[in-house]
Amino acid sequence: MKFFKLIGSLAFVIGLFIAIFIGGIWHVYDSPEIPLWLKIAIYFLLGGILLVLLTVALEQKKGKAQEGELPTGEIQTRILLQNSAEVPGSEITKVLGLVKGHTIYAIWIGKDLSAIVRLVLGGELIEYTEMMGKARMVASNRMIVQAEELGADAIINIRFVTTSVIGSAAELLAYGTAVKLSKPKTKI
């Protein structure tokens, strides 16, 4: 099923780009009714769009190599993560301050099209669920790294905030309070 979805998405994207960047340009070039200045403006517009798309594609390719450096799975940490204001069995000895992790995630247009079809037919929008899961993981990991740099034992009052940036891009912010804890007293 994923294979057919991928093929359909690729066919759509390739068809769209061929229609705009090849068919559109030749239609403008051959049309005698369109004045020269408008033809030049259209070439600049389409050329600029193509240049931006190529630049973004190269940045993403470079970003994929750097993405290996960023943990996208749960990182192993000694820091306790708590969404309450207290840690049962321990006392907060020092508040180190606010720690936060932030990311903006987007999905490519092929997955966006799949999600639109699901929107019409109903059901979970798996593409967006996966996107937000990855965003939550990256933001949480960045927050934990900040807390580790401060020497925290725990992060309390953890919260997540999400906003829509544009279209299918979402911003996710994870934040909490980094604290030092007293050692639990052992019973004899």
N, C-alpha and C. Protein backbone atom coordinates (compact mmCIF):
# COMPACT_ATOMS: atom_id res chain seq x y z
N MET A 1 0.82 -1.19 0.00
CA MET A 1 0.00 0.00 0.00
C MET A 1 0.87 1.27 0.00
N LYS A 2 1.95 1.24 0.81
CA LYS A 2 2.84 2.39 0.86
C LYS A 2 3.48 2.63 -0.51
N PHE A 3 3.78 1.54 -1.22
CA PHE A 3 4.40 1.65 -2.53
C PHE A 3 3.50 2.41 -3.49
N PHE A 4 2.21 2.08 -3.52
CA PHE A 4 1.28 2.74 -4.43
C PHE A 4 1.08 4.21 -4.03
N LYS A 5 1.06 4.47 -2.74
CA LYS A 5 0.94 5.84 -2.27
C LYS A 5 2.15 6.66 -2.71
N LEU A 6 3.34 6.07 -2.57
CA LEU A 6 4.56 6.75 -2.97
C LEU A 6 4.57 7.01 -4.48
N ILE A 7 4.20 6.01 -5.27
CA ILE A 7 4.16 6.16 -6.74
C ILE A 7 3.16 7.24 -7.13
N GLY A 8 1.98 7.22 -6.53
CA GLY A 8 0.96 8.23 -6.83
C GLY A 8 1.43 9.63 -6.49
N SER A 9 2.07 9.78 -5.32
CA SER A 9 2.57 11.08 -4.90
C SER A 9 3.66 11.58 -5.84
N LEU A 10 4.59 10.69 -6.19
CA LEU A 10 5.66 11.07 -7.11
C LEU A 10 5.11 11.45 -8.48
N ALA A 11 4.14 10.69 -8.98
CA ALA A 11 3.54 10.99 -10.29
C ALA A 11 2.89 12.37 -10.27
N PHE A 12 2.21 12.69 -9.19
CA PHE A 12 1.56 14.00 -9.07
C PHE A 12 2.60 15.12 -9.09
N VAL A 13 3.64 14.98 -8.26
CA VAL A 13 4.66 16.02 -8.16
C VAL A 13 5.40 16.19 -9.48
N ILE A 14 5.78 15.09 -10.11
CA ILE A 14 6.48 15.16 -11.40
C ILE A 14 5.59 15.79 -12.46
N GLY A 15 4.33 15.38 -12.53
CA GLY A 15 3.39 15.95 -13.49
C GLY A 15 3.20 17.44 -13.27
N LEU A 16 3.09 17.85 -12.01
CA LEU A 16 2.92 19.26 -11.69
C LEU A 16 4.12 20.08 -12.17
N PHE A 17 5.31 19.60 -11.87
CA PHE A 17 6.51 20.34 -12.27
C PHE A 17 6.70 20.35 -13.79
N ILE A 18 6.39 19.26 -14.46
CA ILE A 18 6.50 19.25 -15.92
C ILE A 18 5.51 20.23 -16.53
N ALA A 19 4.27 20.22 -16.03
CA ALA A 19 3.26 21.13 -16.56
C ALA A 19 3.66 22.60 -16.36
N ILE A 20 4.21 22.91 -15.17
CA ILE A 20 4.55 24.31 -14.89
C ILE A 20 5.85 24.72 -15.57
N PHE A 21 6.90 23.93 -15.40
CA PHE A 21 8.23 24.37 -15.82
C PHE A 21 8.59 24.01 -17.26
N ILE A 22 7.88 23.08 -17.85
CA ILE A 22 8.17 22.75 -19.25
C ILE A 22 7.01 23.18 -20.14
N GLY A 23 5.82 22.69 -19.85
CA GLY A 23 4.65 23.03 -20.66
C GLY A 23 4.33 24.51 -20.62
N GLY A 24 4.38 25.10 -19.41
CA GLY A 24 4.07 26.52 -19.26
C GLY A 24 5.05 27.40 -20.00
N ILE A 25 6.32 27.07 -19.91
CA ILE A 25 7.34 27.89 -20.57
C ILE A 25 7.19 27.84 -22.08
N TRP A 26 6.99 26.66 -22.66
CA TRP A 26 6.86 26.56 -24.12
C TRP A 26 5.58 27.22 -24.62
N HIS A 27 4.52 27.15 -23.83
CA HIS A 27 3.28 27.81 -24.22
C HIS A 27 3.47 29.33 -24.27
N VAL A 28 4.17 29.87 -23.28
CA VAL A 28 4.45 31.30 -23.25
C VAL A 28 5.36 31.68 -24.41
N TYR A 29 6.36 30.86 -24.66
CA TYR A 29 7.34 31.15 -25.71
C TYR A 29 6.68 31.19 -27.10
N ASP A 30 5.75 30.25 -27.35
CA ASP A 30 5.12 30.16 -28.67
C ASP A 30 3.96 31.13 -28.87
N SER A 31 3.45 31.72 -27.83
CA SER A 31 2.27 32.57 -27.94
C SER A 31 2.64 33.96 -28.45
N PRO A 32 2.11 34.37 -29.64
CA PRO A 32 2.43 35.69 -30.18
C PRO A 32 1.65 36.82 -29.48
N GLU A 33 0.56 36.48 -28.76
CA GLU A 33 -0.25 37.52 -28.12
C GLU A 33 0.40 38.08 -26.85
N ILE A 34 1.32 37.33 -26.27
CA ILE A 34 1.93 37.78 -25.03
C ILE A 34 3.12 38.68 -25.35
N PRO A 35 3.12 39.91 -24.79
CA PRO A 35 4.23 40.83 -25.08
C PRO A 35 5.55 40.32 -24.50
N LEU A 36 6.64 40.78 -25.08
CA LEU A 36 7.98 40.32 -24.69
C LEU A 36 8.27 40.58 -23.22
N TRP A 37 7.88 41.75 -22.70
CA TRP A 37 8.17 42.07 -21.31
C TRP A 37 7.48 41.10 -20.36
N LEU A 38 6.26 40.65 -20.72
CA LEU A 38 5.54 39.69 -19.88
C LEU A 38 6.18 38.31 -19.96
N LYS A 39 6.65 37.95 -21.16
CA LYS A 39 7.36 36.68 -21.31
C LYS A 39 8.60 36.66 -20.42
N ILE A 40 9.36 37.75 -20.43
CA ILE A 40 10.57 37.84 -19.61
C ILE A 40 10.21 37.76 -18.13
N ALA A 41 9.15 38.45 -17.72
CA ALA A 41 8.72 38.41 -16.32
C ALA A 41 8.33 37.00 -15.90
N ILE A 42 7.64 36.29 -16.79
CA ILE A 42 7.23 34.92 -16.48
C ILE A 42 8.46 34.01 -16.37
N TYR A 43 9.42 34.19 -17.26
CA TYR A 43 10.66 33.40 -17.18
C TYR A 43 11.39 33.66 -15.86
N PHE A 44 11.47 34.93 -15.46
CA PHE A 44 12.11 35.25 -14.19
C PHE A 44 11.36 34.62 -13.02
N LEU A 45 10.04 34.69 -13.04
CA LEU A 45 9.21 34.12 -11.98
C LEU A 45 9.43 32.61 -11.88
N LEU A 46 9.29 31.92 -13.00
CA LEU A 46 9.46 30.46 -12.98
C LEU A 46 10.90 30.07 -12.66
N GLY A 47 11.85 30.82 -13.20
CA GLY A 47 13.26 30.55 -12.90
C GLY A 47 13.57 30.75 -11.42
N GLY A 48 13.00 31.79 -10.84
CA GLY A 48 13.19 32.03 -9.41
C GLY A 48 12.59 30.92 -8.56
N ILE A 49 11.39 30.48 -8.91
CA ILE A 49 10.76 29.37 -8.18
C ILE A 49 11.62 28.12 -8.29
N LEU A 50 12.09 27.82 -9.49
CA LEU A 50 12.93 26.64 -9.70
C LEU A 50 14.22 26.75 -8.89
N LEU A 51 14.83 27.92 -8.86
CA LEU A 51 16.06 28.12 -8.10
C LEU A 51 15.82 27.92 -6.60
N VAL A 52 14.71 28.44 -6.10
CA VAL A 52 14.38 28.26 -4.68
C VAL A 52 14.16 26.78 -4.38
N LEU A 53 13.42 26.08 -5.25
CA LEU A 53 13.18 24.65 -5.04
C LEU A 53 14.48 23.85 -5.04
N LEU A 54 15.37 24.16 -5.97
CA LEU A 54 16.66 23.46 -6.01
C LEU A 54 17.48 23.76 -4.75
N THR A 55 17.48 25.00 -4.30
CA THR A 55 18.21 25.37 -3.09
C THR A 55 17.67 24.62 -1.88
N VAL A 56 16.35 24.58 -1.75
CA VAL A 56 15.74 23.86 -0.62
C VAL A 56 16.07 22.38 -0.70
N ALA A 57 16.02 21.80 -1.90
CA ALA A 57 16.35 20.38 -2.05
C ALA A 57 17.79 20.10 -1.63
N LEU A 58 18.72 20.98 -2.02
CA LEU A 58 20.11 20.81 -1.61
C LEU A 58 20.29 20.98 -0.10
N GLU A 59 19.58 21.94 0.48
CA GLU A 59 19.65 22.14 1.93
C GLU A 59 19.11 20.92 2.67
N GLN A 60 18.03 20.34 2.14
CA GLN A 60 17.46 19.16 2.78
C GLN A 60 18.40 17.97 2.67
N LYS A 61 19.06 17.83 1.53
CA LYS A 61 20.01 16.75 1.37
C LYS A 61 21.14 16.91 2.39
N LYS A 62 21.62 18.15 2.54
CA LYS A 62 22.66 18.44 3.53
C LYS A 62 22.10 18.21 4.94
N GLY A 63 20.86 18.60 5.15
CA GLY A 63 20.20 18.44 6.45
C GLY A 63 20.02 16.98 6.84
N LYS A 64 19.78 16.11 5.86
CA LYS A 64 19.63 14.68 6.14
C LYS A 64 20.93 14.12 6.71
N ALA A 65 22.06 14.60 6.20
CA ALA A 65 23.35 14.15 6.72
C ALA A 65 23.52 14.64 8.16
N GLN A 66 23.11 15.88 8.44
CA GLN A 66 23.21 16.42 9.79
C GLN A 66 22.17 15.82 10.71
N GLU A 67 21.05 15.36 10.15
CA GLU A 67 19.99 14.79 10.96
C GLU A 67 20.47 13.56 11.69
N GLY A 68 21.47 12.87 11.12
CA GLY A 68 22.03 11.72 11.79
C GLY A 68 22.68 12.11 13.11
N GLU A 69 23.13 13.37 13.22
CA GLU A 69 23.73 13.86 14.44
C GLU A 69 22.67 14.14 15.51
N LEU A 70 21.46 14.51 15.08
CA LEU A 70 20.40 14.80 16.03
C LEU A 70 19.63 13.52 16.35
N PRO A 71 19.48 13.20 17.62
CA PRO A 71 18.73 11.99 17.96
C PRO A 71 17.24 12.19 17.68
N THR A 72 16.66 11.28 16.91
CA THR A 72 15.22 11.37 16.65
C THR A 72 14.46 10.34 17.47
N GLY A 73 15.18 9.46 18.17
CA GLY A 73 14.55 8.52 19.09
C GLY A 73 14.73 9.05 20.51
N GLU A 74 14.11 8.37 21.46
CA GLU A 74 14.26 8.77 22.86
C GLU A 74 15.72 8.65 23.25
N ILE A 75 16.30 9.72 23.80
CA ILE A 75 17.68 9.64 24.23
C ILE A 75 17.72 9.04 25.64
N GLN A 76 18.79 8.32 25.92
CA GLN A 76 18.98 7.74 27.24
C GLN A 76 19.53 8.83 28.15
N THR A 77 18.86 9.05 29.24
CA THR A 77 19.27 10.10 30.16
C THR A 77 19.01 9.67 31.59
N ARG A 78 19.79 10.25 32.49
CA ARG A 78 19.60 10.00 33.92
C ARG A 78 18.59 10.99 34.51
N ILE A 79 18.18 11.96 33.71
CA ILE A 79 17.28 13.01 34.17
C ILE A 79 15.85 12.48 34.23
N LEU A 80 15.23 12.74 35.37
CA LEU A 80 13.83 12.36 35.57
C LEU A 80 12.94 13.39 34.89
N LEU A 81 11.97 12.95 34.12
CA LEU A 81 11.03 13.84 33.45
C LEU A 81 9.69 13.73 34.16
N GLN A 82 9.16 14.88 34.61
CA GLN A 82 7.96 14.89 35.42
C GLN A 82 7.06 16.02 34.97
N ASN A 83 5.75 15.74 34.81
CA ASN A 83 4.86 16.83 34.42
C ASN A 83 4.13 17.43 35.63
N SER A 84 4.57 17.07 36.81
CA SER A 84 4.00 17.67 38.01
C SER A 84 5.03 18.62 38.63
N ALA A 85 4.60 19.36 39.66
CA ALA A 85 5.48 20.35 40.29
C ALA A 85 6.38 19.73 41.36
N GLU A 86 6.15 18.49 41.72
CA GLU A 86 6.93 17.82 42.76
C GLU A 86 7.39 16.47 42.26
N VAL A 87 8.43 15.95 42.93
CA VAL A 87 8.92 14.61 42.64
C VAL A 87 8.71 13.78 43.90
N PRO A 88 7.81 12.81 43.86
CA PRO A 88 7.54 12.00 45.06
C PRO A 88 8.82 11.32 45.57
N GLY A 89 9.03 11.43 46.89
CA GLY A 89 10.19 10.79 47.51
C GLY A 89 11.45 11.62 47.46
N SER A 90 11.42 12.76 46.83
CA SER A 90 12.59 13.64 46.75
C SER A 90 12.19 15.07 47.05
N GLU A 91 13.18 15.83 47.46
CA GLU A 91 12.94 17.25 47.72
C GLU A 91 13.74 18.07 46.71
N ILE A 92 13.12 19.11 46.20
CA ILE A 92 13.81 19.99 45.26
C ILE A 92 14.72 20.90 46.07
N THR A 93 16.03 20.80 45.81
CA THR A 93 17.00 21.61 46.56
C THR A 93 17.39 22.88 45.83
N LYS A 94 17.29 22.86 44.53
CA LYS A 94 17.68 24.04 43.76
C LYS A 94 16.93 24.07 42.43
N VAL A 95 16.40 25.24 42.09
CA VAL A 95 15.77 25.44 40.79
C VAL A 95 16.83 26.02 39.87
N LEU A 96 17.13 25.30 38.79
CA LEU A 96 18.18 25.73 37.86
C LEU A 96 17.65 26.64 36.75
N GLY A 97 16.36 26.58 36.50
CA GLY A 97 15.77 27.48 35.51
C GLY A 97 15.00 26.76 34.42
N LEU A 98 14.49 27.55 33.53
CA LEU A 98 13.68 27.06 32.42
C LEU A 98 14.58 26.38 31.38
N VAL A 99 14.15 25.21 30.93
CA VAL A 99 14.82 24.54 29.81
C VAL A 99 13.77 24.31 28.74
N LYS A 100 14.21 24.41 27.48
CA LYS A 100 13.23 24.27 26.40
C LYS A 100 13.88 23.63 25.18
N GLY A 101 13.05 23.01 24.40
CA GLY A 101 13.46 22.45 23.12
C GLY A 101 12.43 22.87 22.09
N HIS A 102 12.89 23.14 20.89
CA HIS A 102 12.01 23.73 19.90
C HIS A 102 12.32 23.15 18.53
N THR A 103 11.30 22.92 17.72
CA THR A 103 11.50 22.49 16.34
C THR A 103 10.28 22.88 15.52
N ILE A 104 10.50 22.98 14.23
CA ILE A 104 9.40 23.17 13.28
C ILE A 104 9.52 22.04 12.26
N TYR A 105 8.49 21.27 12.13
CA TYR A 105 8.50 20.10 11.24
C TYR A 105 7.47 20.27 10.13
N ALA A 106 7.78 19.69 8.99
CA ALA A 106 6.86 19.69 7.85
C ALA A 106 6.97 18.35 7.14
N ILE A 107 5.96 18.02 6.39
CA ILE A 107 6.01 16.81 5.57
C ILE A 107 6.02 17.23 4.10
N TRP A 108 6.54 16.36 3.26
CA TRP A 108 6.62 16.70 1.85
C TRP A 108 5.24 16.59 1.20
N ILE A 109 5.08 17.20 0.07
CA ILE A 109 3.77 17.35 -0.58
C ILE A 109 3.09 16.01 -0.87
N GLY A 110 3.88 14.97 -1.13
CA GLY A 110 3.29 13.65 -1.39
C GLY A 110 2.53 13.13 -0.18
N LYS A 111 3.11 13.26 1.01
CA LYS A 111 2.42 12.83 2.23
C LYS A 111 1.24 13.75 2.52
N ASP A 112 1.40 15.03 2.19
CA ASP A 112 0.32 15.98 2.38
C ASP A 112 -0.90 15.58 1.54
N LEU A 113 -0.66 15.14 0.31
CA LEU A 113 -1.75 14.69 -0.56
C LEU A 113 -2.45 13.46 0.02
N SER A 114 -1.67 12.53 0.56
CA SER A 114 -2.25 11.34 1.20
C SER A 114 -3.14 11.75 2.36
N ALA A 115 -2.67 12.72 3.13
CA ALA A 115 -3.46 13.19 4.27
C ALA A 115 -4.75 13.86 3.82
N ILE A 116 -4.70 14.59 2.71
CA ILE A 116 -5.91 15.24 2.19
C ILE A 116 -6.94 14.18 1.78
N VAL A 117 -6.47 13.10 1.16
CA VAL A 117 -7.39 12.01 0.78
C VAL A 117 -8.01 11.41 2.04
N ARG A 118 -7.19 11.20 3.09
CA ARG A 118 -7.73 10.67 4.35
C ARG A 118 -8.74 11.64 4.96
N LEU A 119 -8.50 12.92 4.78
CA LEU A 119 -9.41 13.92 5.30
C LEU A 119 -10.79 13.77 4.67
N VAL A 120 -10.80 13.45 3.38
CA VAL A 120 -12.06 13.27 2.67
C VAL A 120 -12.72 11.95 3.07
N LEU A 121 -11.94 10.89 3.15
CA LEU A 121 -12.48 9.56 3.43
C LEU A 121 -12.68 9.28 4.91
N GLY A 122 -11.98 10.02 5.76
CA GLY A 122 -12.08 9.81 7.20
C GLY A 122 -10.96 8.90 7.70
N GLY A 123 -10.73 8.95 8.99
CA GLY A 123 -9.71 8.13 9.61
C GLY A 123 -8.58 8.98 10.15
N GLU A 124 -7.65 8.29 10.83
CA GLU A 124 -6.52 8.99 11.42
C GLU A 124 -5.60 9.51 10.33
N LEU A 125 -5.13 10.72 10.49
CA LEU A 125 -4.18 11.31 9.56
C LEU A 125 -2.78 10.87 9.98
N ILE A 126 -2.42 9.66 9.59
CA ILE A 126 -1.19 9.00 10.02
C ILE A 126 0.04 9.85 9.68
N GLU A 127 0.02 10.48 8.53
CA GLU A 127 1.16 11.30 8.10
C GLU A 127 1.44 12.41 9.10
N TYR A 128 0.40 13.07 9.59
CA TYR A 128 0.58 14.15 10.55
C TYR A 128 0.90 13.61 11.94
N THR A 129 0.34 12.45 12.28
CA THR A 129 0.66 11.83 13.56
C THR A 129 2.15 11.52 13.64
N GLU A 130 2.69 10.93 12.57
CA GLU A 130 4.13 10.63 12.53
C GLU A 130 4.95 11.91 12.59
N MET A 131 4.53 12.94 11.86
CA MET A 131 5.25 14.20 11.85
C MET A 131 5.31 14.80 13.25
N MET A 132 4.18 14.84 13.95
CA MET A 132 4.15 15.43 15.29
C MET A 132 4.92 14.58 16.29
N GLY A 133 4.91 13.26 16.11
CA GLY A 133 5.69 12.38 16.99
C GLY A 133 7.18 12.67 16.86
N LYS A 134 7.66 12.82 15.62
CA LYS A 134 9.07 13.15 15.40
C LYS A 134 9.39 14.53 15.98
N ALA A 135 8.50 15.47 15.78
CA ALA A 135 8.73 16.83 16.30
C ALA A 135 8.79 16.81 17.83
N ARG A 136 7.90 16.05 18.46
CA ARG A 136 7.90 15.95 19.93
C ARG A 136 9.21 15.36 20.43
N MET A 137 9.68 14.33 19.73
CA MET A 137 10.92 13.67 20.12
C MET A 137 12.11 14.62 20.02
N VAL A 138 12.22 15.34 18.91
CA VAL A 138 13.34 16.27 18.71
C VAL A 138 13.28 17.39 19.75
N ALA A 139 12.11 17.97 19.97
CA ALA A 139 11.98 19.06 20.93
C ALA A 139 12.29 18.58 22.36
N SER A 140 11.81 17.40 22.72
CA SER A 140 12.09 16.84 24.05
C SER A 140 13.57 16.60 24.24
N ASN A 141 14.21 16.02 23.23
CA ASN A 141 15.64 15.74 23.32
C ASN A 141 16.46 17.02 23.48
N ARG A 142 16.07 18.06 22.77
CA ARG A 142 16.78 19.34 22.89
C ARG A 142 16.60 19.93 24.29
N MET A 143 15.41 19.76 24.87
CA MET A 143 15.15 20.24 26.23
C MET A 143 16.02 19.45 27.22
N ILE A 144 16.10 18.15 27.06
CA ILE A 144 16.90 17.31 27.95
C ILE A 144 18.37 17.68 27.88
N VAL A 145 18.87 17.94 26.67
CA VAL A 145 20.28 18.33 26.51
C VAL A 145 20.56 19.62 27.29
N GLN A 146 19.65 20.58 27.23
CA GLN A 146 19.83 21.83 28.00
C GLN A 146 19.89 21.54 29.49
N ALA A 147 19.01 20.65 29.96
CA ALA A 147 18.98 20.32 31.39
C ALA A 147 20.26 19.60 31.80
N GLU A 148 20.78 18.72 30.95
CA GLU A 148 22.03 18.03 31.26
C GLU A 148 23.18 19.02 31.36
N GLU A 149 23.20 20.03 30.49
CA GLU A 149 24.25 21.05 30.53
C GLU A 149 24.21 21.84 31.84
N LEU A 150 23.03 21.98 32.43
CA LEU A 150 22.88 22.68 33.71
C LEU A 150 23.18 21.78 34.91
N GLY A 151 23.31 20.47 34.66
CA GLY A 151 23.56 19.52 35.74
C GLY A 151 22.29 19.15 36.50
N ALA A 152 21.16 19.18 35.85
CA ALA A 152 19.88 18.91 36.50
C ALA A 152 19.71 17.42 36.82
N ASP A 153 18.94 17.17 37.87
CA ASP A 153 18.54 15.80 38.21
C ASP A 153 17.18 15.48 37.63
N ALA A 154 16.36 16.52 37.43
CA ALA A 154 15.00 16.31 36.93
C ALA A 154 14.52 17.55 36.19
N ILE A 155 13.51 17.34 35.35
CA ILE A 155 12.78 18.44 34.73
C ILE A 155 11.35 18.28 35.19
N ILE A 156 10.84 19.30 35.85
CA ILE A 156 9.46 19.23 36.35
C ILE A 156 8.57 20.19 35.55
N ASN A 157 7.28 20.03 35.72
CA ASN A 157 6.28 20.88 35.03
C ASN A 157 6.49 20.88 33.52
N ILE A 158 6.76 19.73 32.94
CA ILE A 158 6.98 19.66 31.49
C ILE A 158 5.68 19.93 30.76
N ARG A 159 5.77 20.77 29.75
CA ARG A 159 4.61 21.12 28.93
C ARG A 159 5.02 21.09 27.46
N PHE A 160 4.04 20.87 26.59
CA PHE A 160 4.25 20.91 25.15
C PHE A 160 3.27 21.91 24.56
N VAL A 161 3.78 22.74 23.64
CA VAL A 161 2.94 23.71 22.95
C VAL A 161 3.16 23.51 21.46
N THR A 162 2.09 23.47 20.71
CA THR A 162 2.21 23.33 19.27
C THR A 162 1.38 24.40 18.57
N THR A 163 1.91 24.87 17.46
CA THR A 163 1.20 25.85 16.64
C THR A 163 1.41 25.50 15.17
N SER A 164 0.49 25.90 14.36
CA SER A 164 0.62 25.72 12.93
C SER A 164 1.39 26.91 12.37
N VAL A 165 2.43 26.63 11.59
CA VAL A 165 3.23 27.70 11.02
C VAL A 165 2.65 28.08 9.67
N ILE A 166 2.71 27.15 8.71
CA ILE A 166 2.05 27.31 7.41
C ILE A 166 1.63 25.94 6.94
N GLY A 167 0.53 25.86 6.27
CA GLY A 167 0.09 24.60 5.68
C GLY A 167 0.31 23.41 6.56
N SER A 168 1.19 22.51 6.13
CA SER A 168 1.42 21.28 6.87
C SER A 168 2.69 21.34 7.70
N ALA A 169 3.12 22.52 8.09
CA ALA A 169 4.28 22.68 8.97
C ALA A 169 3.78 23.07 10.35
N ALA A 170 4.33 22.40 11.37
CA ALA A 170 3.91 22.69 12.73
C ALA A 170 5.13 22.94 13.61
N GLU A 171 4.97 23.89 14.51
CA GLU A 171 6.01 24.21 15.48
C GLU A 171 5.67 23.48 16.77
N LEU A 172 6.69 22.91 17.41
CA LEU A 172 6.47 22.24 18.68
C LEU A 172 7.52 22.74 19.66
N LEU A 173 7.07 23.16 20.83
CA LEU A 173 7.94 23.65 21.89
C LEU A 173 7.72 22.76 23.11
N ALA A 174 8.81 22.20 23.65
CA ALA A 174 8.76 21.46 24.91
C ALA A 174 9.50 22.30 25.93
N TYR A 175 8.92 22.47 27.13
CA TYR A 175 9.60 23.26 28.15
C TYR A 175 9.26 22.74 29.54
N GLY A 176 10.15 23.04 30.46
CA GLY A 176 9.96 22.63 31.84
C GLY A 176 10.97 23.34 32.71
N THR A 177 10.97 23.00 33.99
CA THR A 177 11.88 23.61 34.95
C THR A 177 12.93 22.58 35.36
N ALA A 178 14.19 22.91 35.13
CA ALA A 178 15.30 22.04 35.53
C ALA A 178 15.56 22.24 37.02
N VAL A 179 15.70 21.14 37.75
CA VAL A 179 15.90 21.22 39.20
C VAL A 179 16.96 20.21 39.66
N LYS A 180 17.53 20.50 40.83
CA LYS A 180 18.39 19.56 41.54
C LYS A 180 17.54 18.94 42.65
N LEU A 181 17.76 17.66 42.89
CA LEU A 181 16.98 16.95 43.91
C LEU A 181 17.88 16.48 45.03
N SER A 182 17.27 16.36 46.22
CA SER A 182 18.00 15.75 47.35
C SER A 182 18.03 14.25 47.12
N LYS A 183 19.04 13.62 47.67
CA LYS A 183 19.14 12.16 47.57
C LYS A 183 18.06 11.57 48.46
N PRO A 184 17.33 10.54 47.96
CA PRO A 184 16.30 9.92 48.80
C PRO A 184 16.94 9.26 50.02
N LYS A 185 16.29 9.42 51.15
CA LYS A 185 16.80 8.83 52.41
C LYS A 185 16.52 7.34 52.40
N THR A 186 17.53 6.58 52.71
CA THR A 186 17.36 5.11 52.76
C THR A 186 16.86 4.71 54.13
N LYS A 187 15.92 3.79 54.16
CA LYS A 187 15.35 3.31 55.43
C LYS A 187 16.17 2.12 55.92
N ILE A 188 16.42 2.08 57.22
CA ILE A 188 17.19 0.97 57.80
C ILE A 188 16.26 0.03 58.51
